[in-house]
Amino acid sequence: MGFKNINTEKASVNFINNARGDKIKTQKRDKKILVCFTQDEYDRIKESALQIGMGVNQYIRYKLFI
């Protein structure tokens, strides 16, 4: 019995697509977490999200799970 080989490139692409909300039609995101940011923090997050082509919510979800 061995470990399953995982294609890391494909796994990371799938992870990014899931963070963006792609292929989530079977799962409903119904759990919420309230997080507060200062205006400076929010501006930094928004700028980082725009640089990689994501929305703020998608970017935060992406950063949480990498």
PDB file of N, CA and C in Angstrom:
ATOM      1  N   MET A   1       0.853  -1.166   0.000  1.00  0.00           N
ATOM      2  CA  MET A   1       0.000   0.000   0.000  1.00  0.00           C
ATOM      3  C   MET A   1       0.895   1.223   0.000  1.00  0.00           C
ATOM      4  N   GLY A   2       0.646   2.132  -0.931  1.00  0.00           N
ATOM      5  CA  GLY A   2       1.479   3.326  -1.036  1.00  0.00           C
ATOM      6  C   GLY A   2       0.653   4.586  -1.041  1.00  0.00           C
ATOM      7  N   PHE A   3       1.366   5.679  -1.130  1.00  0.00           N
ATOM      8  CA  PHE A   3       0.688   6.963  -1.182  1.00  0.00           C
ATOM      9  C   PHE A   3       0.283   7.284  -2.611  1.00  0.00           C
ATOM     10  N   LYS A   4      -0.803   7.983  -2.759  1.00  0.00           N
ATOM     11  CA  LYS A   4      -1.286   8.387  -4.068  1.00  0.00           C
ATOM     12  C   LYS A   4      -0.420   9.520  -4.601  1.00  0.00           C
ATOM     13  N   ASN A   5       0.011   9.410  -5.848  1.00  0.00           N
ATOM     14  CA  ASN A   5       0.776  10.477  -6.479  1.00  0.00           C
ATOM     15  C   ASN A   5      -0.181  11.596  -6.876  1.00  0.00           C
ATOM     16  N   ILE A   6       0.182  12.807  -6.524  1.00  0.00           N
ATOM     17  CA  ILE A   6      -0.647  13.959  -6.842  1.00  0.00           C
ATOM     18  C   ILE A   6       0.145  14.883  -7.754  1.00  0.00           C
ATOM     19  N   ASN A   7      -0.465  15.255  -8.863  1.00  0.00           N
ATOM     20  CA  ASN A   7       0.138  16.228  -9.758  1.00  0.00           C
ATOM     21  C   ASN A   7       0.006  17.590  -9.097  1.00  0.00           C
ATOM     22  N   THR A   8       1.105  18.118  -8.563  1.00  0.00           N
ATOM     23  CA  THR A   8       1.039  19.355  -7.776  1.00  0.00           C
ATOM     24  C   THR A   8       0.627  20.546  -8.620  1.00  0.00           C
ATOM     25  N   GLU A   9       1.025  20.573  -9.896  1.00  0.00           N
ATOM     26  CA  GLU A   9       0.637  21.696 -10.744  1.00  0.00           C
ATOM     27  C   GLU A   9      -0.876  21.696 -10.944  1.00  0.00           C
ATOM     28  N   LYS A  10      -1.436  20.537 -11.253  1.00  0.00           N
ATOM     29  CA  LYS A  10      -2.884  20.429 -11.444  1.00  0.00           C
ATOM     30  C   LYS A  10      -3.623  20.723 -10.139  1.00  0.00           C
ATOM     31  N   ALA A  11      -3.080  20.249  -9.016  1.00  0.00           N
ATOM     32  CA  ALA A  11      -3.713  20.481  -7.720  1.00  0.00           C
ATOM     33  C   ALA A  11      -3.752  21.969  -7.398  1.00  0.00           C
ATOM     34  N   SER A  12      -2.687  22.697  -7.689  1.00  0.00           N
ATOM     35  CA  SER A  12      -2.676  24.124  -7.381  1.00  0.00           C
ATOM     36  C   SER A  12      -3.605  24.890  -8.316  1.00  0.00           C
ATOM     37  N   VAL A  13      -3.705  24.477  -9.572  1.00  0.00           N
ATOM     38  CA  VAL A  13      -4.649  25.123 -10.492  1.00  0.00           C
ATOM     39  C   VAL A  13      -6.072  24.874 -10.019  1.00  0.00           C
ATOM     40  N   ASN A  14      -6.384  23.648  -9.617  1.00  0.00           N
ATOM     41  CA  ASN A  14      -7.712  23.336  -9.098  1.00  0.00           C
ATOM     42  C   ASN A  14      -8.009  24.147  -7.847  1.00  0.00           C
ATOM     43  N   PHE A  15      -7.021  24.293  -6.977  1.00  0.00           N
ATOM     44  CA  PHE A  15      -7.218  25.061  -5.752  1.00  0.00           C
ATOM     45  C   PHE A  15      -7.543  26.512  -6.066  1.00  0.00           C
ATOM     46  N   ILE A  16      -6.789  27.106  -6.990  1.00  0.00           N
ATOM     47  CA  ILE A  16      -7.029  28.502  -7.356  1.00  0.00           C
ATOM     48  C   ILE A  16      -8.404  28.662  -7.973  1.00  0.00           C
ATOM     49  N   ASN A  17      -8.795  27.745  -8.849  1.00  0.00           N
ATOM     50  CA  ASN A  17     -10.124  27.821  -9.458  1.00  0.00           C
ATOM     51  C   ASN A  17     -11.214  27.690  -8.402  1.00  0.00           C
ATOM     52  N   ASN A  18     -11.020  26.829  -7.430  1.00  0.00           N
ATOM     53  CA  ASN A  18     -12.004  26.687  -6.357  1.00  0.00           C
ATOM     54  C   ASN A  18     -12.068  27.951  -5.507  1.00  0.00           C
ATOM     55  N   ALA A  19     -10.930  28.588  -5.267  1.00  0.00           N
ATOM     56  CA  ALA A  19     -10.917  29.825  -4.495  1.00  0.00           C
ATOM     57  C   ALA A  19     -11.667  30.932  -5.230  1.00  0.00           C
ATOM     58  N   ARG A  20     -11.608  30.893  -6.555  1.00  0.00           N
ATOM     59  CA  ARG A  20     -12.319  31.886  -7.362  1.00  0.00           C
ATOM     60  C   ARG A  20     -13.812  31.602  -7.425  1.00  0.00           C
ATOM     61  N   GLY A  21     -14.214  30.405  -7.040  1.00  0.00           N
ATOM     62  CA  GLY A  21     -15.627  30.065  -7.082  1.00  0.00           C
ATOM     63  C   GLY A  21     -15.989  29.174  -8.251  1.00  0.00           C
ATOM     64  N   ASP A  22     -15.006  28.791  -9.068  1.00  0.00           N
ATOM     65  CA  ASP A  22     -15.267  27.904 -10.191  1.00  0.00           C
ATOM     66  C   ASP A  22     -15.557  26.495  -9.683  1.00  0.00           C
ATOM     67  N   LYS A  23     -16.460  25.809 -10.326  1.00  0.00           N
ATOM     68  CA  LYS A  23     -16.805  24.416 -10.024  1.00  0.00           C
ATOM     69  C   LYS A  23     -17.287  24.219  -8.590  1.00  0.00           C
ATOM     70  N   ILE A  24     -17.973  25.182  -8.037  1.00  0.00           N
ATOM     71  CA  ILE A  24     -18.487  25.068  -6.670  1.00  0.00           C
ATOM     72  C   ILE A  24     -20.010  24.920  -6.708  1.00  0.00           C
ATOM     73  N   LYS A  25     -20.558  24.616  -7.857  1.00  0.00           N
ATOM     74  CA  LYS A  25     -22.002  24.573  -8.006  1.00  0.00           C
ATOM     75  C   LYS A  25     -22.665  23.538  -7.112  1.00  0.00           C
ATOM     76  N   THR A  26     -21.939  22.497  -6.732  1.00  0.00           N
ATOM     77  CA  THR A  26     -22.531  21.470  -5.885  1.00  0.00           C
ATOM     78  C   THR A  26     -22.414  21.803  -4.401  1.00  0.00           C
ATOM     79  N   GLN A  27     -21.569  22.762  -4.067  1.00  0.00           N
ATOM     80  CA  GLN A  27     -21.389  23.148  -2.671  1.00  0.00           C
ATOM     81  C   GLN A  27     -21.916  24.555  -2.461  1.00  0.00           C
ATOM     82  N   LYS A  28     -22.679  24.737  -1.416  1.00  0.00           N
ATOM     83  CA  LYS A  28     -23.216  26.048  -1.101  1.00  0.00           C
ATOM     84  C   LYS A  28     -22.373  26.681   0.005  1.00  0.00           C
ATOM     85  N   ARG A  29     -21.923  27.891  -0.232  1.00  0.00           N
ATOM     86  CA  ARG A  29     -21.172  28.617   0.786  1.00  0.00           C
ATOM     87  C   ARG A  29     -22.169  29.350   1.661  1.00  0.00           C
ATOM     88  N   ASP A  30     -22.523  28.733   2.770  1.00  0.00           N
ATOM     89  CA  ASP A  30     -23.528  29.329   3.640  1.00  0.00           C
ATOM     90  C   ASP A  30     -22.992  29.654   5.029  1.00  0.00           C
ATOM     91  N   LYS A  31     -21.726  29.446   5.263  1.00  0.00           N
ATOM     92  CA  LYS A  31     -21.100  29.777   6.551  1.00  0.00           C
ATOM     93  C   LYS A  31     -20.386  31.113   6.410  1.00  0.00           C
ATOM     94  N   LYS A  32     -20.552  31.983   7.383  1.00  0.00           N
ATOM     95  CA  LYS A  32     -19.976  33.313   7.314  1.00  0.00           C
ATOM     96  C   LYS A  32     -19.050  33.576   8.491  1.00  0.00           C
ATOM     97  N   ILE A  33     -18.019  34.348   8.214  1.00  0.00           N
ATOM     98  CA  ILE A  33     -17.087  34.808   9.238  1.00  0.00           C
ATOM     99  C   ILE A  33     -16.923  36.308   9.033  1.00  0.00           C
ATOM    100  N   LEU A  34     -17.168  37.080  10.060  1.00  0.00           N
ATOM    101  CA  LEU A  34     -17.026  38.526   9.982  1.00  0.00           C
ATOM    102  C   LEU A  34     -15.608  38.907  10.395  1.00  0.00           C
ATOM    103  N   VAL A  35     -14.928  39.609   9.513  1.00  0.00           N
ATOM    104  CA  VAL A  35     -13.572  40.075   9.790  1.00  0.00           C
ATOM    105  C   VAL A  35     -13.528  41.562   9.462  1.00  0.00           C
ATOM    106  N   CYS A  36     -12.982  42.347  10.371  1.00  0.00           N
ATOM    107  CA  CYS A  36     -12.890  43.791  10.167  1.00  0.00           C
ATOM    108  C   CYS A  36     -11.447  44.182   9.835  1.00  0.00           C
ATOM    109  N   PHE A  37     -11.298  45.120   8.902  1.00  0.00           N
ATOM    110  CA  PHE A  37     -10.000  45.620   8.487  1.00  0.00           C
ATOM    111  C   PHE A  37      -9.982  47.131   8.605  1.00  0.00           C
ATOM    112  N   THR A  38      -8.798  47.696   8.824  1.00  0.00           N
ATOM    113  CA  THR A  38      -8.656  49.147   8.735  1.00  0.00           C
ATOM    114  C   THR A  38      -8.721  49.521   7.257  1.00  0.00           C
ATOM    115  N   GLN A  39      -8.890  50.802   6.966  1.00  0.00           N
ATOM    116  CA  GLN A  39      -8.951  51.230   5.567  1.00  0.00           C
ATOM    117  C   GLN A  39      -7.646  50.912   4.853  1.00  0.00           C
ATOM    118  N   ASP A  40      -6.519  51.107   5.546  1.00  0.00           N
ATOM    119  CA  ASP A  40      -5.211  50.806   4.953  1.00  0.00           C
ATOM    120  C   ASP A  40      -5.083  49.318   4.631  1.00  0.00           C
ATOM    121  N   GLU A  41      -5.483  48.456   5.557  1.00  0.00           N
ATOM    122  CA  GLU A  41      -5.424  47.008   5.320  1.00  0.00           C
ATOM    123  C   GLU A  41      -6.305  46.618   4.138  1.00  0.00           C
ATOM    124  N   TYR A  42      -7.521  47.173   4.110  1.00  0.00           N
ATOM    125  CA  TYR A  42      -8.449  46.850   3.023  1.00  0.00           C
ATOM    126  C   TYR A  42      -7.887  47.288   1.674  1.00  0.00           C
ATOM    127  N   ASP A  43      -7.295  48.485   1.629  1.00  0.00           N
ATOM    128  CA  ASP A  43      -6.699  48.978   0.381  1.00  0.00           C
ATOM    129  C   ASP A  43      -5.570  48.072  -0.087  1.00  0.00           C
ATOM    130  N   ARG A  44      -4.746  47.595   0.849  1.00  0.00           N
ATOM    131  CA  ARG A  44      -3.652  46.679   0.494  1.00  0.00           C
ATOM    132  C   ARG A  44      -4.186  45.358  -0.041  1.00  0.00           C
ATOM    133  N   ILE A  45      -5.231  44.827   0.604  1.00  0.00           N
ATOM    134  CA  ILE A  45      -5.840  43.579   0.152  1.00  0.00           C
ATOM    135  C   ILE A  45      -6.444  43.757  -1.235  1.00  0.00           C
ATOM    136  N   LYS A  46      -7.164  44.859  -1.420  1.00  0.00           N
ATOM    137  CA  LYS A  46      -7.810  45.116  -2.708  1.00  0.00           C
ATOM    138  C   LYS A  46      -6.781  45.239  -3.823  1.00  0.00           C
ATOM    139  N   GLU A  47      -5.694  45.940  -3.575  1.00  0.00           N
ATOM    140  CA  GLU A  47      -4.637  46.099  -4.574  1.00  0.00           C
ATOM    141  C   GLU A  47      -4.002  44.746  -4.920  1.00  0.00           C
ATOM    142  N   SER A  48      -3.723  43.939  -3.918  1.00  0.00           N
ATOM    143  CA  SER A  48      -3.145  42.610  -4.159  1.00  0.00           C
ATOM    144  C   SER A  48      -4.102  41.738  -4.968  1.00  0.00           C
ATOM    145  N   ALA A  49      -5.391  41.820  -4.657  1.00  0.00           N
ATOM    146  CA  ALA A  49      -6.399  41.039  -5.373  1.00  0.00           C
ATOM    147  C   ALA A  49      -6.467  41.468  -6.836  1.00  0.00           C
ATOM    148  N   LEU A  50      -6.451  42.766  -7.079  1.00  0.00           N
ATOM    149  CA  LEU A  50      -6.521  43.264  -8.447  1.00  0.00           C
ATOM    150  C   LEU A  50      -5.302  42.856  -9.266  1.00  0.00           C
ATOM    151  N   GLN A  51      -4.140  42.803  -8.630  1.00  0.00           N
ATOM    152  CA  GLN A  51      -2.919  42.437  -9.337  1.00  0.00           C
ATOM    153  C   GLN A  51      -2.968  41.021  -9.887  1.00  0.00           C
ATOM    154  N   ILE A  52      -3.683  40.118  -9.207  1.00  0.00           N
ATOM    155  CA  ILE A  52      -3.763  38.740  -9.707  1.00  0.00           C
ATOM    156  C   ILE A  52      -5.130  38.428 -10.319  1.00  0.00           C
ATOM    157  N   GLY A  53      -5.953  39.456 -10.502  1.00  0.00           N
ATOM    158  CA  GLY A  53      -7.214  39.280 -11.211  1.00  0.00           C
ATOM    159  C   GLY A  53      -8.323  38.628 -10.415  1.00  0.00           C
ATOM    160  N   MET A  54      -8.358  38.852  -9.130  1.00  0.00           N
ATOM    161  CA  MET A  54      -9.400  38.293  -8.273  1.00  0.00           C
ATOM    162  C   MET A  54     -10.160  39.418  -7.586  1.00  0.00           C
ATOM    163  N   GLY A  55     -11.366  39.100  -7.147  1.00  0.00           N
ATOM    164  CA  GLY A  55     -12.105  40.005  -6.292  1.00  0.00           C
ATOM    165  C   GLY A  55     -11.581  39.884  -4.865  1.00  0.00           C
ATOM    166  N   VAL A  56     -11.983  40.805  -4.018  1.00  0.00           N
ATOM    167  CA  VAL A  56     -11.498  40.809  -2.638  1.00  0.00           C
ATOM    168  C   VAL A  56     -11.910  39.528  -1.909  1.00  0.00           C
ATOM    169  N   ASN A  57     -13.172  39.118  -2.021  1.00  0.00           N
ATOM    170  CA  ASN A  57     -13.618  37.899  -1.340  1.00  0.00           C
ATOM    171  C   ASN A  57     -12.865  36.669  -1.821  1.00  0.00           C
ATOM    172  N   GLN A  58     -12.700  36.573  -3.137  1.00  0.00           N
ATOM    173  CA  GLN A  58     -11.967  35.439  -3.701  1.00  0.00           C
ATOM    174  C   GLN A  58     -10.526  35.427  -3.219  1.00  0.00           C
ATOM    175  N   TYR A  59      -9.909  36.598  -3.195  1.00  0.00           N
ATOM    176  CA  TYR A  59      -8.519  36.711  -2.768  1.00  0.00           C
ATOM    177  C   TYR A  59      -8.347  36.302  -1.306  1.00  0.00           C
ATOM    178  N   ILE A  60      -9.244  36.756  -0.440  1.00  0.00           N
ATOM    179  CA  ILE A  60      -9.152  36.402   0.974  1.00  0.00           C
ATOM    180  C   ILE A  60      -9.316  34.894   1.147  1.00  0.00           C
ATOM    181  N   ARG A  61     -10.271  34.294   0.451  1.00  0.00           N
ATOM    182  CA  ARG A  61     -10.469  32.843   0.521  1.00  0.00           C
ATOM    183  C   ARG A  61      -9.218  32.109   0.016  1.00  0.00           C
ATOM    184  N   TYR A  62      -8.645  32.614  -1.066  1.00  0.00           N
ATOM    185  CA  TYR A  62      -7.418  32.040  -1.639  1.00  0.00           C
ATOM    186  C   TYR A  62      -6.274  32.100  -0.627  1.00  0.00           C
ATOM    187  N   LYS A  63      -6.084  33.239   0.016  1.00  0.00           N
ATOM    188  CA  LYS A  63      -4.986  33.401   0.973  1.00  0.00           C
ATOM    189  C   LYS A  63      -5.194  32.566   2.232  1.00  0.00           C
ATOM    190  N   LEU A  64      -6.430  32.344   2.620  1.00  0.00           N
ATOM    191  CA  LEU A  64      -6.707  31.532   3.801  1.00  0.00           C
ATOM    192  C   LEU A  64      -6.278  30.085   3.622  1.00  0.00           C
ATOM    193  N   PHE A  65      -6.421  29.562   2.428  1.00  0.00           N
ATOM    194  CA  PHE A  65      -6.247  28.132   2.231  1.00  0.00           C
ATOM    195  C   PHE A  65      -4.986  27.738   1.477  1.00  0.00           C
ATOM    196  N   ILE A  66      -4.051  28.665   1.284  1.00  0.00           N
ATOM    197  CA  ILE A  66      -2.784  28.260   0.652  1.00  0.00           C
ATOM    198  C   ILE A  66      -1.736  28.042   1.696  1.00  0.00           C
TER     199      ILE A  66
END
